[in-house]
Each structure stands twice: as structure tokens, then as C-alpha cells.
């Protein structure tokens, strides 16, 4: 279990009296000169939600300098706990650990096959990997590179499963960059489906949401920030009611 960032006693008392309000977004794609672009949104989110999930592609090219820009905006504007995972863009320059470390040191609880509890709600997170869905799911057959590709997806699923097992909370939320089930990709181009999927928990064609070992886990696609301009359209989730 990963320890969350420090939370004031007032926050914990408030969470004991009402449902946890969770905001989620992804694909911020911070570049070297992006500082300030999310300050207003972060400030507004802090007033409307209790926890923010940052679901990958936090930087444009996976550079430490880009993560520093995002960290500065989080530090200056966020007033609520943040939980994050890295995305494929954050791998681009071979520095995913550096990106995660910078954000972790800023106060974002970065998950990579780990779990954390906040106000009685459990969160398990990992980037995820591709592989397709259902009968179209890629199998470990044929060329060695195909087998390596599938094994990487299975590895992410195993680590996610191990993180979920550690959670003892009644409600569990899975944080991913890649989509765990086809339903979360509604509206995407069909050509993207083969590379948008993380192998599901248990390495079967079941979603985290429907896996009976984790009956209260939720699989939820995070919206792309570039799809809208204002937080008024940011998808908000209430833990246990989304």
C-alpha cells in the first residue's frame, strides 16, 4: 500500500459526513512552456471536488522539464489530494520514472501497480497496455515480438490485480490510462481499439467492473481534456454512485 499525501484533519472530518466527490481527467500533454494553462481549472476543481485523478499522458514527450511545468501548476493551484498514473506519452523519452518522481514529490500520489486509500475509498492504478478486446484480443502466438507485446499487457494486469487485493475498502476505483473494457471507448475510431486496451484483471475477457473477485471496483474511461475547454464539462464521479 502506498501512503497518500498529507491531508488536513478538516478534510478527513468532512469526508466522514458525505460521499467523496472525485474529478477525473487525462491527456493534459504538458510541454516545456505550458505553465499556467491549467491553473484556473485546477483552482476550480479544488472548489468542486475532493480528489482529482490524473489518468496519464500528463506530459507531451515524457520529459522531466515538462513534468516540472505541470508540477508548478499543481503546487500553486490544487488544494485537494491528487492521484495519478503515467500514460504512453510519458514513456516517449525514456524518463517515465523521472516524470512520476517529480509529480510524486509535488504531492501527487503516483500509482504504478500500487494502491492507496483516501477517506475510506480505495484506489488501484497503473498505466495499462494495449491488446484489443473480446474475440479480437491479441494472443501470444507467432512472432516473438507479438508474444512480448501480449506479455507486457498481462504483466500490467497482474500488477493491477495485486494492487486491488491489498485494498480492504468497500469501494475500489481503478485508475488507468488505457481502457479496460470496450464500452469505455465509445466514440473512438475503431482502428484504435487494438491498441487501447489493458488486459483485464484475471487475464480473461472480463472487465475489472464485472470481475466477481472485486465486485465494487469500477472501470471508467477518463475524458480527454482537449475535448473541452472548461471544468464545467469535466466528468465528475461520486464514489459508489458513478
C-alpha atoms as a PDB file:
ATOM      1  CA  UNK A   1       0.000   0.000   0.000  1.00  0.00           C
ATOM      2  CA  UNK A   2       1.240   3.455  -0.874  1.00  0.00           C
ATOM      3  CA  UNK A   3       0.803   6.245   1.644  1.00  0.00           C
ATOM      4  CA  UNK A   4      -1.244   9.203   0.361  1.00  0.00           C
ATOM      5  CA  UNK A   5      -0.071  12.764   0.631  1.00  0.00           C
ATOM      6  CA  UNK A   6      -0.738  14.524   3.924  1.00  0.00           C
ATOM      7  CA  UNK A   7      -4.364  15.545   4.351  1.00  0.00           C
ATOM      8  CA  UNK A   8      -5.671  18.085   6.869  1.00  0.00           C
ATOM      9  CA  UNK A   9      -7.888  16.871   9.684  1.00  0.00           C
ATOM     10  CA  UNK A  10     -10.696  19.119   8.384  1.00  0.00           C
ATOM     11  CA  UNK A  11     -10.680  17.193   5.094  1.00  0.00           C
ATOM     12  CA  UNK A  12     -10.968  13.826   6.831  1.00  0.00           C
ATOM     13  CA  UNK A  13     -13.795  15.075   9.052  1.00  0.00           C
ATOM     14  CA  UNK A  14     -15.729  16.396   6.065  1.00  0.00           C
ATOM     15  CA  UNK A  15     -15.319  13.095   4.194  1.00  0.00           C
ATOM     16  CA  UNK A  16     -16.752  11.207   7.161  1.00  0.00           C
ATOM     17  CA  UNK A  17     -20.059  13.037   6.689  1.00  0.00           C
ATOM     18  CA  UNK A  18     -20.670  12.789   2.926  1.00  0.00           C
ATOM     19  CA  UNK A  19     -19.763  10.956  -0.274  1.00  0.00           C
ATOM     20  CA  UNK A  20     -16.326  11.506  -1.743  1.00  0.00           C
ATOM     21  CA  UNK A  21     -16.502  13.684  -4.869  1.00  0.00           C
ATOM     22  CA  UNK A  22     -13.989  12.569  -7.499  1.00  0.00           C
ATOM     23  CA  UNK A  23     -12.941  14.527 -10.584  1.00  0.00           C
ATOM     24  CA  UNK A  24     -11.037  12.742 -13.332  1.00  0.00           C
ATOM     25  CA  UNK A  25      -9.174  13.885 -16.421  1.00  0.00           C
ATOM     26  CA  UNK A  26      -6.387  12.739 -18.731  1.00  0.00           C
ATOM     27  CA  UNK A  27      -4.217  13.835 -21.655  1.00  0.00           C
ATOM     28  CA  UNK A  28      -3.014  17.128 -20.228  1.00  0.00           C
ATOM     29  CA  UNK A  29       0.069  16.879 -22.501  1.00  0.00           C
ATOM     30  CA  UNK A  30       2.149  19.497 -20.713  1.00  0.00           C
ATOM     31  CA  UNK A  31       5.040  20.792 -22.807  1.00  0.00           C
ATOM     32  CA  UNK A  32       8.114  22.811 -21.844  1.00  0.00           C
ATOM     33  CA  UNK A  33       6.199  26.103 -21.911  1.00  0.00           C
ATOM     34  CA  UNK A  34       2.781  25.001 -20.669  1.00  0.00           C
ATOM     35  CA  UNK A  35       2.985  26.510 -17.204  1.00  0.00           C
ATOM     36  CA  UNK A  36      -0.239  28.294 -16.329  1.00  0.00           C
ATOM     37  CA  UNK A  37      -2.563  26.571 -18.807  1.00  0.00           C
ATOM     38  CA  UNK A  38      -4.355  24.545 -16.119  1.00  0.00           C
ATOM     39  CA  UNK A  39      -4.085  26.872 -13.140  1.00  0.00           C
ATOM     40  CA  UNK A  40      -7.631  28.206 -13.439  1.00  0.00           C
ATOM     41  CA  UNK A  41      -9.086  24.745 -13.979  1.00  0.00           C
ATOM     42  CA  UNK A  42      -7.156  23.278 -11.062  1.00  0.00           C
ATOM     43  CA  UNK A  43      -8.381  26.044  -8.787  1.00  0.00           C
ATOM     44  CA  UNK A  44     -11.977  25.440  -9.860  1.00  0.00           C
ATOM     45  CA  UNK A  45     -11.648  21.690  -9.422  1.00  0.00           C
ATOM     46  CA  UNK A  46     -10.361  22.266  -5.896  1.00  0.00           C
ATOM     47  CA  UNK A  47     -13.631  24.004  -5.072  1.00  0.00           C
ATOM     48  CA  UNK A  48     -15.896  21.367  -6.622  1.00  0.00           C
ATOM     49  CA  UNK A  49     -14.254  18.003  -5.897  1.00  0.00           C
ATOM     50  CA  UNK A  50     -12.464  16.209  -3.057  1.00  0.00           C
ATOM     51  CA  UNK A  51      -9.984  14.166  -5.107  1.00  0.00           C
ATOM     52  CA  UNK A  52      -8.576  14.597  -8.629  1.00  0.00           C
ATOM     53  CA  UNK A  53      -7.498  11.620 -10.737  1.00  0.00           C
ATOM     54  CA  UNK A  54      -4.852  12.338 -13.397  1.00  0.00           C
ATOM     55  CA  UNK A  55      -5.129   9.415 -15.808  1.00  0.00           C
ATOM     56  CA  UNK A  56      -1.977   9.524 -17.884  1.00  0.00           C
ATOM     57  CA  UNK A  57      -0.396  11.403 -20.787  1.00  0.00           C
ATOM     58  CA  UNK A  58       0.443  14.127 -18.320  1.00  0.00           C
ATOM     59  CA  UNK A  59       3.318  15.329 -20.499  1.00  0.00           C
ATOM     60  CA  UNK A  60       3.739  15.695 -24.268  1.00  0.00           C
ATOM     61  CA  UNK A  61       7.106  13.978 -24.766  1.00  0.00           C
ATOM     62  CA  UNK A  62       7.737  12.425 -21.356  1.00  0.00           C
ATOM     63  CA  UNK A  63      10.425  14.940 -20.406  1.00  0.00           C
ATOM     64  CA  UNK A  64      11.318  15.875 -16.850  1.00  0.00           C
ATOM     65  CA  UNK A  65      11.153  19.562 -17.828  1.00  0.00           C
ATOM     66  CA  UNK A  66       7.536  19.097 -18.904  1.00  0.00           C
ATOM     67  CA  UNK A  67       6.674  17.407 -15.621  1.00  0.00           C
ATOM     68  CA  UNK A  68       8.194  20.364 -13.782  1.00  0.00           C
ATOM     69  CA  UNK A  69       5.789  22.703 -15.603  1.00  0.00           C
ATOM     70  CA  UNK A  70       2.787  20.607 -14.562  1.00  0.00           C
ATOM     71  CA  UNK A  71       4.096  20.248 -11.017  1.00  0.00           C
ATOM     72  CA  UNK A  72       4.315  24.034 -10.716  1.00  0.00           C
ATOM     73  CA  UNK A  73       0.645  24.459 -11.649  1.00  0.00           C
ATOM     74  CA  UNK A  74      -0.432  21.692  -9.295  1.00  0.00           C
ATOM     75  CA  UNK A  75       1.585  23.191  -6.459  1.00  0.00           C
ATOM     76  CA  UNK A  76       0.187  26.667  -6.984  1.00  0.00           C
ATOM     77  CA  UNK A  77      -3.477  25.852  -7.650  1.00  0.00           C
ATOM     78  CA  UNK A  78      -4.525  22.411  -6.345  1.00  0.00           C
ATOM     79  CA  UNK A  79      -5.940  22.254  -2.833  1.00  0.00           C
ATOM     80  CA  UNK A  80      -7.201  18.669  -2.838  1.00  0.00           C
ATOM     81  CA  UNK A  81      -5.438  15.278  -2.985  1.00  0.00           C
ATOM     82  CA  UNK A  82      -4.362  14.093  -6.448  1.00  0.00           C
ATOM     83  CA  UNK A  83      -3.804  10.541  -7.641  1.00  0.00           C
ATOM     84  CA  UNK A  84      -2.106   9.850 -10.960  1.00  0.00           C
ATOM     85  CA  UNK A  85      -0.786   7.256 -13.379  1.00  0.00           C
ATOM     86  CA  UNK A  86       1.524   7.757 -16.325  1.00  0.00           C
ATOM     87  CA  UNK A  87       0.442   7.302 -19.948  1.00  0.00           C
ATOM     88  CA  UNK A  88       2.155   6.279 -23.172  1.00  0.00           C
ATOM     89  CA  UNK A  89       3.288   9.855 -23.898  1.00  0.00           C
ATOM     90  CA  UNK A  90       5.071   9.893 -20.551  1.00  0.00           C
ATOM     91  CA  UNK A  91       7.231   6.996 -21.779  1.00  0.00           C
ATOM     92  CA  UNK A  92       8.296   8.714 -25.020  1.00  0.00           C
ATOM     93  CA  UNK A  93      11.699   9.999 -23.854  1.00  0.00           C
ATOM     94  CA  UNK A  94      12.521   7.024 -21.660  1.00  0.00           C
ATOM     95  CA  UNK A  95      12.000   9.008 -18.457  1.00  0.00           C
ATOM     96  CA  UNK A  96       8.681   7.747 -17.022  1.00  0.00           C
ATOM     97  CA  UNK A  97      10.187   7.251 -13.577  1.00  0.00           C
ATOM     98  CA  UNK A  98      11.540  10.801 -13.569  1.00  0.00           C
ATOM     99  CA  UNK A  99       8.135  12.194 -14.596  1.00  0.00           C
ATOM    100  CA  UNK A 100       6.408  10.200 -11.848  1.00  0.00           C
ATOM    101  CA  UNK A 101       9.004  11.178  -9.237  1.00  0.00           C
ATOM    102  CA  UNK A 102       8.638  14.901  -9.938  1.00  0.00           C
ATOM    103  CA  UNK A 103       4.872  14.705  -9.565  1.00  0.00           C
ATOM    104  CA  UNK A 104       5.123  12.454  -6.518  1.00  0.00           C
ATOM    105  CA  UNK A 105       7.384  14.988  -4.821  1.00  0.00           C
ATOM    106  CA  UNK A 106       4.817  17.682  -5.631  1.00  0.00           C
ATOM    107  CA  UNK A 107       2.176  15.790  -3.650  1.00  0.00           C
ATOM    108  CA  UNK A 108       0.512  13.731  -6.379  1.00  0.00           C
ATOM    109  CA  UNK A 109       0.186  10.096  -5.322  1.00  0.00           C
ATOM    110  CA  UNK A 110       1.512   8.369  -8.439  1.00  0.00           C
ATOM    111  CA  UNK A 111       0.458   4.735  -8.761  1.00  0.00           C
ATOM    112  CA  UNK A 112       2.300   2.120 -10.796  1.00  0.00           C
ATOM    113  CA  UNK A 113       0.833  -1.193  -9.765  1.00  0.00           C
ATOM    114  CA  UNK A 114       0.154   0.188  -6.306  1.00  0.00           C
ATOM    115  CA  UNK A 115      -2.855   1.061  -4.179  1.00  0.00           C
ATOM    116  CA  UNK A 116      -3.827   3.852  -1.827  1.00  0.00           C
ATOM    117  CA  UNK A 117      -6.800   4.645   0.392  1.00  0.00           C
ATOM    118  CA  UNK A 118      -8.322   8.082   0.808  1.00  0.00           C
ATOM    119  CA  UNK A 119     -11.266   8.743   3.095  1.00  0.00           C
ATOM    120  CA  UNK A 120     -12.417   5.120   3.038  1.00  0.00           C
ATOM    121  CA  UNK A 121     -12.195   4.695  -0.738  1.00  0.00           C
ATOM    122  CA  UNK A 122      -9.501   2.507  -2.290  1.00  0.00           C
ATOM    123  CA  UNK A 123      -7.653   3.389  -5.497  1.00  0.00           C
ATOM    124  CA  UNK A 124      -5.501   0.989  -7.530  1.00  0.00           C
ATOM    125  CA  UNK A 125      -3.609   2.320 -10.519  1.00  0.00           C
ATOM    126  CA  UNK A 126      -1.283   1.513 -13.382  1.00  0.00           C
ATOM    127  CA  UNK A 127      -0.770   2.798 -16.929  1.00  0.00           C
ATOM    128  CA  UNK A 128      -2.069  -0.338 -18.649  1.00  0.00           C
ATOM    129  CA  UNK A 129      -1.213  -1.563 -22.128  1.00  0.00           C
ATOM    130  CA  UNK A 130      -2.784  -2.481 -25.467  1.00  0.00           C
ATOM    131  CA  UNK A 131      -4.113  -5.741 -26.838  1.00  0.00           C
ATOM    132  CA  UNK A 132      -7.643  -5.421 -28.184  1.00  0.00           C
ATOM    133  CA  UNK A 133     -10.973  -6.738 -26.898  1.00  0.00           C
ATOM    134  CA  UNK A 134     -13.023  -9.932 -26.885  1.00  0.00           C
ATOM    135  CA  UNK A 135     -12.577 -12.213 -29.885  1.00  0.00           C
ATOM    136  CA  UNK A 136     -10.312  -9.574 -31.435  1.00  0.00           C
ATOM    137  CA  UNK A 137      -7.930  -9.658 -28.477  1.00  0.00           C
ATOM    138  CA  UNK A 138      -4.318 -10.233 -29.423  1.00  0.00           C
ATOM    139  CA  UNK A 139      -2.982 -13.637 -28.340  1.00  0.00           C
ATOM    140  CA  UNK A 140       0.575 -14.679 -27.508  1.00  0.00           C
ATOM    141  CA  UNK A 141       1.034 -16.603 -30.742  1.00  0.00           C
ATOM    142  CA  UNK A 142       3.540 -16.383 -33.566  1.00  0.00           C
ATOM    143  CA  UNK A 143       6.379 -13.901 -33.660  1.00  0.00           C
ATOM    144  CA  UNK A 144       8.436 -13.247 -30.511  1.00  0.00           C
ATOM    145  CA  UNK A 145       7.564  -9.533 -30.648  1.00  0.00           C
ATOM    146  CA  UNK A 146       3.841 -10.362 -30.542  1.00  0.00           C
ATOM    147  CA  UNK A 147       4.419 -12.578 -27.520  1.00  0.00           C
ATOM    148  CA  UNK A 148       6.390  -9.816 -25.793  1.00  0.00           C
ATOM    149  CA  UNK A 149       3.594  -7.343 -26.526  1.00  0.00           C
ATOM    150  CA  UNK A 150       0.948  -9.624 -25.009  1.00  0.00           C
ATOM    151  CA  UNK A 151       3.160 -10.451 -22.028  1.00  0.00           C
ATOM    152  CA  UNK A 152       3.547  -6.751 -21.254  1.00  0.00           C
ATOM    153  CA  UNK A 153      -0.230  -6.381 -21.166  1.00  0.00           C
ATOM    154  CA  UNK A 154      -0.564  -9.432 -18.925  1.00  0.00           C
ATOM    155  CA  UNK A 155       2.121  -8.046 -16.624  1.00  0.00           C
ATOM    156  CA  UNK A 156       0.150  -4.833 -16.148  1.00  0.00           C
ATOM    157  CA  UNK A 157      -2.984  -6.846 -15.394  1.00  0.00           C
ATOM    158  CA  UNK A 158      -1.206  -8.958 -12.782  1.00  0.00           C
ATOM    159  CA  UNK A 159       0.204  -5.903 -11.040  1.00  0.00           C
ATOM    160  CA  UNK A 160      -3.219  -4.259 -11.057  1.00  0.00           C
ATOM    161  CA  UNK A 161      -4.760  -7.391  -9.590  1.00  0.00           C
ATOM    162  CA  UNK A 162      -2.139  -7.470  -6.844  1.00  0.00           C
ATOM    163  CA  UNK A 163      -2.865  -3.837  -6.022  1.00  0.00           C
ATOM    164  CA  UNK A 164      -6.607  -4.494  -5.809  1.00  0.00           C
ATOM    165  CA  UNK A 165      -6.060  -7.421  -3.453  1.00  0.00           C
ATOM    166  CA  UNK A 166      -4.292  -5.107  -1.000  1.00  0.00           C
ATOM    167  CA  UNK A 167      -7.348  -2.869  -0.698  1.00  0.00           C
ATOM    168  CA  UNK A 168      -9.732  -3.696   2.116  1.00  0.00           C
ATOM    169  CA  UNK A 169     -12.134  -0.841   1.441  1.00  0.00           C
ATOM    170  CA  UNK A 170     -15.772  -1.422   0.498  1.00  0.00           C
ATOM    171  CA  UNK A 171     -15.384   0.706  -2.628  1.00  0.00           C
ATOM    172  CA  UNK A 172     -12.457   0.395  -5.026  1.00  0.00           C
ATOM    173  CA  UNK A 173     -11.673   2.561  -8.031  1.00  0.00           C
ATOM    174  CA  UNK A 174      -9.216   1.555 -10.758  1.00  0.00           C
ATOM    175  CA  UNK A 175      -7.143   4.331 -12.314  1.00  0.00           C
ATOM    176  CA  UNK A 176      -5.769   3.541 -15.798  1.00  0.00           C
ATOM    177  CA  UNK A 177      -4.595   5.325 -18.908  1.00  0.00           C
ATOM    178  CA  UNK A 178      -5.513   2.524 -21.309  1.00  0.00           C
ATOM    179  CA  UNK A 179      -9.135   1.417 -21.435  1.00  0.00           C
ATOM    180  CA  UNK A 180     -10.001  -1.785 -19.535  1.00  0.00           C
ATOM    181  CA  UNK A 181     -13.176  -2.619 -21.472  1.00  0.00           C
ATOM    182  CA  UNK A 182     -14.543  -1.816 -24.922  1.00  0.00           C
ATOM    183  CA  UNK A 183     -17.500   0.139 -23.515  1.00  0.00           C
ATOM    184  CA  UNK A 184     -15.155   2.825 -22.200  1.00  0.00           C
ATOM    185  CA  UNK A 185     -14.017   3.571 -25.770  1.00  0.00           C
ATOM    186  CA  UNK A 186     -17.389   4.609 -27.131  1.00  0.00           C
ATOM    187  CA  UNK A 187     -16.863   7.289 -29.753  1.00  0.00           C
ATOM    188  CA  UNK A 188     -13.267   6.338 -30.553  1.00  0.00           C
ATOM    189  CA  UNK A 189     -12.172   5.302 -34.048  1.00  0.00           C
ATOM    190  CA  UNK A 190     -12.469   1.506 -34.485  1.00  0.00           C
ATOM    191  CA  UNK A 191      -8.862   1.418 -35.665  1.00  0.00           C
ATOM    192  CA  UNK A 192      -7.750   2.443 -32.165  1.00  0.00           C
ATOM    193  CA  UNK A 193      -9.348  -0.483 -30.356  1.00  0.00           C
ATOM    194  CA  UNK A 194      -6.466  -2.912 -30.786  1.00  0.00           C
ATOM    195  CA  UNK A 195      -4.030  -0.593 -29.010  1.00  0.00           C
ATOM    196  CA  UNK A 196      -6.342   0.953 -26.430  1.00  0.00           C
ATOM    197  CA  UNK A 197      -6.933  -1.981 -24.160  1.00  0.00           C
ATOM    198  CA  UNK A 198      -5.291  -3.263 -20.986  1.00  0.00           C
ATOM    199  CA  UNK A 199      -5.675  -6.988 -20.349  1.00  0.00           C
ATOM    200  CA  UNK A 200      -8.393  -7.282 -17.717  1.00  0.00           C
ATOM    201  CA  UNK A 201      -7.916  -8.497 -14.185  1.00  0.00           C
ATOM    202  CA  UNK A 202      -7.634 -12.261 -14.218  1.00  0.00           C
ATOM    203  CA  UNK A 203      -6.332 -12.160 -17.833  1.00  0.00           C
ATOM    204  CA  UNK A 204      -9.769 -13.049 -19.186  1.00  0.00           C
ATOM    205  CA  UNK A 205     -12.147 -11.059 -21.326  1.00  0.00           C
ATOM    206  CA  UNK A 206     -13.909  -9.680 -18.256  1.00  0.00           C
ATOM    207  CA  UNK A 207     -13.649  -6.107 -17.100  1.00  0.00           C
ATOM    208  CA  UNK A 208     -12.467  -5.015 -13.707  1.00  0.00           C
ATOM    209  CA  UNK A 209     -16.016  -3.836 -13.222  1.00  0.00           C
ATOM    210  CA  UNK A 210     -17.502  -7.294 -13.726  1.00  0.00           C
ATOM    211  CA  UNK A 211     -14.812  -9.394 -12.047  1.00  0.00           C
ATOM    212  CA  UNK A 212     -16.621 -11.039  -9.134  1.00  0.00           C
ATOM    213  CA  UNK A 213     -13.490 -11.011  -7.013  1.00  0.00           C
ATOM    214  CA  UNK A 214     -13.688  -7.224  -6.930  1.00  0.00           C
ATOM    215  CA  UNK A 215     -17.454  -6.590  -7.055  1.00  0.00           C
ATOM    216  CA  UNK A 216     -17.257  -2.913  -6.195  1.00  0.00           C
ATOM    217  CA  UNK A 217     -14.358  -1.996  -8.435  1.00  0.00           C
ATOM    218  CA  UNK A 218     -15.185   0.437 -11.228  1.00  0.00           C
ATOM    219  CA  UNK A 219     -13.832   0.690 -14.745  1.00  0.00           C
ATOM    220  CA  UNK A 220     -14.217   4.227 -16.036  1.00  0.00           C
ATOM    221  CA  UNK A 221     -12.766   5.944 -19.078  1.00  0.00           C
ATOM    222  CA  UNK A 222     -11.346   9.342 -18.226  1.00  0.00           C
ATOM    223  CA  UNK A 223     -12.229  12.188 -20.572  1.00  0.00           C
ATOM    224  CA  UNK A 224      -9.591  13.882 -22.649  1.00  0.00           C
ATOM    225  CA  UNK A 225      -9.017  17.439 -21.507  1.00  0.00           C
ATOM    226  CA  UNK A 226      -8.578  18.576 -25.094  1.00  0.00           C
ATOM    227  CA  UNK A 227     -12.206  17.581 -25.765  1.00  0.00           C
ATOM    228  CA  UNK A 228     -13.439  20.582 -23.813  1.00  0.00           C
ATOM    229  CA  UNK A 229     -12.295  23.943 -22.530  1.00  0.00           C
ATOM    230  CA  UNK A 230     -13.912  24.410 -19.141  1.00  0.00           C
ATOM    231  CA  UNK A 231     -14.188  22.371 -15.962  1.00  0.00           C
ATOM    232  CA  UNK A 232     -17.961  22.808 -16.164  1.00  0.00           C
ATOM    233  CA  UNK A 233     -17.847  19.913 -18.644  1.00  0.00           C
ATOM    234  CA  UNK A 234     -15.313  17.838 -16.704  1.00  0.00           C
ATOM    235  CA  UNK A 235     -16.751  14.493 -15.763  1.00  0.00           C
ATOM    236  CA  UNK A 236     -17.258  14.203 -12.021  1.00  0.00           C
ATOM    237  CA  UNK A 237     -17.691  10.872 -10.298  1.00  0.00           C
ATOM    238  CA  UNK A 238     -19.226  10.226  -6.908  1.00  0.00           C
ATOM    239  CA  UNK A 239     -17.578   7.238  -5.336  1.00  0.00           C
ATOM    240  CA  UNK A 240     -20.048   4.374  -5.333  1.00  0.00           C
ATOM    241  CA  UNK A 241     -22.676   6.147  -7.404  1.00  0.00           C
ATOM    242  CA  UNK A 242     -20.942   6.775 -10.743  1.00  0.00           C
END
